[in-house]
Amino acid sequence: MYATYIMRERTQIYLDPEQSDRLGRLARADGRTKSDLIREAIDMYLSSEDRDERRLERLKAAVHYFAEHPLDIPSSEEYVKRKHEEGRRRDEVLQRHWRR
């Protein structure tokens, strides 16, 4: 896909061992070089259309998830009530501890 004669700049990146191993396995399986896969990934990332599509897919996935798993967000009054109850329980535990 990329020929060395059209390369303009050399860039060094650091991969953690797992990234390097995974990239190496993928490169061998595809019969390509790690560099080729990295350039392809960069092209995909820099493509605004791909980025927008990926963002939209992530947003749709999040909306779908929360539609099936609604958040239990209490009202302000309920929140304060819960916090007061937690404080009372904590105080009871501390008082029992200090009476020993």
N, C-alpha and C. Protein backbone atom coordinates (compact mmCIF):
# COMPACT_ATOMS: atom_id res chain seq x y z
N MET A 1 0.83 -1.19 0.00
CA MET A 1 0.00 0.00 0.00
C MET A 1 0.87 1.26 0.00
N TYR A 2 1.82 1.34 0.90
CA TYR A 2 2.73 2.48 0.94
C TYR A 2 4.10 2.03 0.50
N ALA A 3 4.70 2.78 -0.37
CA ALA A 3 6.05 2.46 -0.80
C ALA A 3 7.02 3.39 -0.08
N THR A 4 8.20 2.88 0.23
CA THR A 4 9.14 3.68 1.02
C THR A 4 9.57 4.94 0.29
N TYR A 5 9.54 4.96 -1.03
CA TYR A 5 10.00 6.15 -1.74
C TYR A 5 9.04 7.34 -1.60
N ILE A 6 7.81 7.13 -1.15
CA ILE A 6 6.90 8.26 -0.97
C ILE A 6 6.84 8.74 0.48
N MET A 7 7.54 8.07 1.37
CA MET A 7 7.54 8.48 2.77
C MET A 7 8.32 9.77 2.91
N ARG A 8 7.78 10.70 3.68
CA ARG A 8 8.40 12.00 3.85
C ARG A 8 9.05 12.17 5.22
N GLU A 9 8.54 11.45 6.21
CA GLU A 9 9.02 11.68 7.56
C GLU A 9 9.02 10.38 8.34
N ARG A 10 10.01 10.24 9.16
CA ARG A 10 10.08 9.08 10.04
C ARG A 10 9.65 9.53 11.43
N THR A 11 8.77 8.76 12.03
CA THR A 11 8.28 9.06 13.37
C THR A 11 8.45 7.84 14.24
N GLN A 12 8.95 8.04 15.42
CA GLN A 12 9.14 6.93 16.35
C GLN A 12 8.02 6.97 17.38
N ILE A 13 7.41 5.81 17.62
CA ILE A 13 6.39 5.72 18.66
C ILE A 13 6.77 4.59 19.61
N TYR A 14 6.25 4.67 20.81
CA TYR A 14 6.51 3.64 21.80
C TYR A 14 5.21 2.89 22.06
N LEU A 15 5.27 1.58 21.99
CA LEU A 15 4.13 0.72 22.27
C LEU A 15 4.42 -0.06 23.54
N ASP A 16 3.38 -0.32 24.31
CA ASP A 16 3.61 -1.20 25.44
C ASP A 16 3.72 -2.63 24.91
N PRO A 17 4.25 -3.55 25.69
CA PRO A 17 4.48 -4.91 25.19
C PRO A 17 3.23 -5.58 24.61
N GLU A 18 2.08 -5.37 25.25
CA GLU A 18 0.86 -6.00 24.75
C GLU A 18 0.47 -5.42 23.39
N GLN A 19 0.58 -4.10 23.23
CA GLN A 19 0.26 -3.48 21.95
C GLN A 19 1.18 -4.01 20.86
N SER A 20 2.46 -4.09 21.18
CA SER A 20 3.43 -4.58 20.20
C SER A 20 3.13 -6.03 19.80
N ASP A 21 2.82 -6.86 20.79
CA ASP A 21 2.51 -8.27 20.50
C ASP A 21 1.26 -8.39 19.64
N ARG A 22 0.22 -7.68 20.01
CA ARG A 22 -1.04 -7.75 19.26
C ARG A 22 -0.86 -7.24 17.84
N LEU A 23 -0.14 -6.11 17.71
CA LEU A 23 0.10 -5.55 16.39
C LEU A 23 0.93 -6.51 15.54
N GLY A 24 1.93 -7.14 16.15
CA GLY A 24 2.76 -8.10 15.43
C GLY A 24 1.97 -9.30 14.95
N ARG A 25 1.10 -9.83 15.82
CA ARG A 25 0.26 -10.97 15.42
C ARG A 25 -0.66 -10.60 14.27
N LEU A 26 -1.26 -9.41 14.35
CA LEU A 26 -2.16 -8.97 13.29
C LEU A 26 -1.39 -8.77 11.98
N ALA A 27 -0.22 -8.18 12.07
CA ALA A 27 0.59 -7.95 10.87
C ALA A 27 0.96 -9.28 10.22
N ARG A 28 1.41 -10.25 11.03
CA ARG A 28 1.77 -11.56 10.47
C ARG A 28 0.56 -12.25 9.84
N ALA A 29 -0.58 -12.16 10.52
CA ALA A 29 -1.78 -12.82 10.00
C ALA A 29 -2.23 -12.20 8.67
N ASP A 30 -2.02 -10.89 8.53
CA ASP A 30 -2.43 -10.20 7.30
C ASP A 30 -1.32 -10.16 6.25
N GLY A 31 -0.12 -10.63 6.62
CA GLY A 31 1.00 -10.58 5.68
C GLY A 31 1.44 -9.14 5.41
N ARG A 32 1.38 -8.30 6.42
CA ARG A 32 1.73 -6.89 6.29
C ARG A 32 2.75 -6.52 7.36
N THR A 33 3.21 -5.30 7.30
CA THR A 33 4.15 -4.84 8.32
C THR A 33 3.39 -4.08 9.40
N LYS A 34 4.04 -3.97 10.57
CA LYS A 34 3.46 -3.17 11.64
C LYS A 34 3.29 -1.72 11.17
N SER A 35 4.28 -1.22 10.48
CA SER A 35 4.24 0.16 10.00
C SER A 35 3.04 0.39 9.09
N ASP A 36 2.78 -0.56 8.23
CA ASP A 36 1.64 -0.44 7.32
C ASP A 36 0.33 -0.37 8.10
N LEU A 37 0.20 -1.23 9.11
CA LEU A 37 -1.01 -1.22 9.92
C LEU A 37 -1.15 0.09 10.70
N ILE A 38 -0.04 0.61 11.20
CA ILE A 38 -0.08 1.87 11.95
C ILE A 38 -0.48 3.02 11.03
N ARG A 39 0.09 3.06 9.81
CA ARG A 39 -0.29 4.12 8.87
C ARG A 39 -1.77 4.03 8.51
N GLU A 40 -2.27 2.81 8.34
CA GLU A 40 -3.69 2.63 8.04
C GLU A 40 -4.56 3.12 9.20
N ALA A 41 -4.15 2.79 10.42
CA ALA A 41 -4.91 3.23 11.59
C ALA A 41 -4.91 4.76 11.69
N ILE A 42 -3.78 5.38 11.40
CA ILE A 42 -3.69 6.85 11.44
C ILE A 42 -4.59 7.45 10.37
N ASP A 43 -4.57 6.89 9.18
CA ASP A 43 -5.45 7.37 8.10
C ASP A 43 -6.92 7.29 8.53
N MET A 44 -7.29 6.17 9.13
CA MET A 44 -8.67 6.01 9.57
C MET A 44 -9.01 7.04 10.64
N TYR A 45 -8.10 7.26 11.57
CA TYR A 45 -8.34 8.21 12.65
C TYR A 45 -8.46 9.63 12.11
N LEU A 46 -7.63 9.97 11.15
CA LEU A 46 -7.63 11.33 10.63
C LEU A 46 -8.77 11.60 9.65
N SER A 47 -9.39 10.57 9.16
CA SER A 47 -10.51 10.74 8.23
C SER A 47 -11.71 11.25 9.03
N SER A 48 -12.10 12.49 8.78
CA SER A 48 -13.19 13.07 9.57
C SER A 48 -14.48 12.29 9.38
N GLU A 49 -14.72 11.76 8.19
CA GLU A 49 -15.95 11.00 7.96
C GLU A 49 -15.96 9.75 8.83
N ASP A 50 -14.84 9.03 8.88
CA ASP A 50 -14.76 7.84 9.73
C ASP A 50 -14.91 8.22 11.19
N ARG A 51 -14.25 9.31 11.61
CA ARG A 51 -14.35 9.74 13.01
C ARG A 51 -15.78 10.08 13.36
N ASP A 52 -16.45 10.81 12.47
CA ASP A 52 -17.85 11.18 12.73
C ASP A 52 -18.73 9.94 12.80
N GLU A 53 -18.50 8.99 11.90
CA GLU A 53 -19.29 7.76 11.92
C GLU A 53 -19.04 6.97 13.21
N ARG A 54 -17.79 6.89 13.63
CA ARG A 54 -17.47 6.18 14.87
C ARG A 54 -18.09 6.88 16.07
N ARG A 55 -18.03 8.20 16.10
CA ARG A 55 -18.65 8.94 17.20
C ARG A 55 -20.15 8.71 17.24
N LEU A 56 -20.77 8.73 16.06
CA LEU A 56 -22.21 8.51 16.00
C LEU A 56 -22.55 7.10 16.47
N GLU A 57 -21.76 6.11 16.07
CA GLU A 57 -22.01 4.74 16.51
C GLU A 57 -21.85 4.62 18.03
N ARG A 58 -20.83 5.27 18.60
CA ARG A 58 -20.65 5.23 20.06
C ARG A 58 -21.80 5.91 20.76
N LEU A 59 -22.28 7.02 20.20
CA LEU A 59 -23.42 7.72 20.80
C LEU A 59 -24.67 6.84 20.75
N LYS A 60 -24.91 6.21 19.60
CA LYS A 60 -26.07 5.32 19.48
C LYS A 60 -25.97 4.16 20.47
N ALA A 61 -24.77 3.62 20.62
CA ALA A 61 -24.58 2.51 21.56
C ALA A 61 -24.86 2.97 22.99
N ALA A 62 -24.42 4.17 23.34
CA ALA A 62 -24.65 4.69 24.69
C ALA A 62 -26.14 4.93 24.92
N VAL A 63 -26.81 5.51 23.94
CA VAL A 63 -28.25 5.75 24.07
C VAL A 63 -28.98 4.43 24.22
N HIS A 64 -28.61 3.44 23.43
CA HIS A 64 -29.23 2.12 23.51
C HIS A 64 -29.00 1.50 24.88
N TYR A 65 -27.76 1.61 25.38
CA TYR A 65 -27.44 1.04 26.68
C TYR A 65 -28.30 1.67 27.78
N PHE A 66 -28.35 3.00 27.80
CA PHE A 66 -29.09 3.66 28.86
C PHE A 66 -30.59 3.53 28.70
N ALA A 67 -31.05 3.24 27.49
CA ALA A 67 -32.48 2.96 27.31
C ALA A 67 -32.83 1.65 28.01
N GLU A 68 -31.89 0.70 27.99
CA GLU A 68 -32.12 -0.60 28.63
C GLU A 68 -31.68 -0.62 30.09
N HIS A 69 -30.82 0.30 30.49
CA HIS A 69 -30.31 0.36 31.86
C HIS A 69 -30.48 1.78 32.40
N PRO A 70 -31.70 2.18 32.69
CA PRO A 70 -31.91 3.56 33.15
C PRO A 70 -31.17 3.84 34.45
N LEU A 71 -30.71 5.06 34.57
CA LEU A 71 -30.00 5.48 35.78
C LEU A 71 -31.00 5.74 36.90
N ASP A 72 -30.60 5.38 38.10
CA ASP A 72 -31.43 5.65 39.26
C ASP A 72 -30.92 6.95 39.89
N ILE A 73 -31.40 8.05 39.37
CA ILE A 73 -30.98 9.36 39.88
C ILE A 73 -32.07 9.88 40.79
N PRO A 74 -31.76 9.99 42.07
CA PRO A 74 -32.78 10.44 43.02
C PRO A 74 -33.05 11.94 42.89
N SER A 75 -34.20 12.34 43.39
CA SER A 75 -34.49 13.77 43.45
C SER A 75 -33.54 14.40 44.47
N SER A 76 -33.48 15.71 44.47
CA SER A 76 -32.61 16.41 45.42
C SER A 76 -32.99 16.06 46.85
N GLU A 77 -34.29 16.03 47.12
CA GLU A 77 -34.75 15.70 48.48
C GLU A 77 -34.33 14.30 48.88
N GLU A 78 -34.52 13.34 47.96
CA GLU A 78 -34.16 11.96 48.25
C GLU A 78 -32.66 11.82 48.46
N TYR A 79 -31.87 12.52 47.66
CA TYR A 79 -30.42 12.48 47.79
C TYR A 79 -29.98 12.97 49.17
N VAL A 80 -30.51 14.11 49.58
CA VAL A 80 -30.16 14.67 50.89
C VAL A 80 -30.60 13.72 51.99
N LYS A 81 -31.78 13.13 51.85
CA LYS A 81 -32.29 12.18 52.84
C LYS A 81 -31.35 10.98 52.97
N ARG A 82 -30.89 10.45 51.82
CA ARG A 82 -29.95 9.31 51.83
C ARG A 82 -28.64 9.69 52.51
N LYS A 83 -28.13 10.88 52.19
CA LYS A 83 -26.86 11.31 52.77
C LYS A 83 -26.98 11.48 54.29
N HIS A 84 -28.10 12.02 54.75
CA HIS A 84 -28.32 12.16 56.19
C HIS A 84 -28.36 10.78 56.86
N GLU A 85 -29.03 9.84 56.21
CA GLU A 85 -29.12 8.48 56.76
C GLU A 85 -27.73 7.83 56.80
N GLU A 86 -26.96 8.00 55.74
CA GLU A 86 -25.60 7.46 55.73
C GLU A 86 -24.77 8.07 56.86
N GLY A 87 -24.93 9.38 57.08
CA GLY A 87 -24.21 10.05 58.16
C GLY A 87 -24.61 9.52 59.52
N ARG A 88 -25.91 9.28 59.71
CA ARG A 88 -26.37 8.74 61.00
C ARG A 88 -25.79 7.35 61.24
N ARG A 89 -25.80 6.51 60.19
CA ARG A 89 -25.23 5.16 60.34
C ARG A 89 -23.73 5.22 60.64
N ARG A 90 -23.03 6.10 59.95
CA ARG A 90 -21.59 6.25 60.20
C ARG A 90 -21.34 6.70 61.63
N ASP A 91 -22.14 7.66 62.11
CA ASP A 91 -21.99 8.14 63.49
C ASP A 91 -22.25 7.02 64.49
N GLU A 92 -23.24 6.19 64.23
CA GLU A 92 -23.55 5.07 65.13
C GLU A 92 -22.38 4.10 65.20
N VAL A 93 -21.79 3.81 64.05
CA VAL A 93 -20.64 2.89 64.02
C VAL A 93 -19.48 3.49 64.80
N LEU A 94 -19.22 4.77 64.61
CA LEU A 94 -18.12 5.42 65.32
C LEU A 94 -18.36 5.45 66.82
N GLN A 95 -19.59 5.73 67.21
CA GLN A 95 -19.90 5.75 68.64
C GLN A 95 -19.71 4.38 69.27
N ARG A 96 -20.14 3.31 68.57
CA ARG A 96 -19.93 1.95 69.09
C ARG A 96 -18.45 1.66 69.20
N HIS A 97 -17.71 2.09 68.24
CA HIS A 97 -16.26 1.85 68.24
C HIS A 97 -15.59 2.55 69.43
N TRP A 98 -15.99 3.78 69.70
CA TRP A 98 -15.34 4.54 70.76
C TRP A 98 -15.79 4.11 72.15
N ARG A 99 -16.90 3.42 72.27
CA ARG A 99 -17.37 2.94 73.58
C ARG A 99 -16.60 1.70 74.05
N ARG A 100 -15.90 1.07 73.18
CA ARG A 100 -15.17 -0.15 73.53
C ARG A 100 -14.07 0.09 74.49
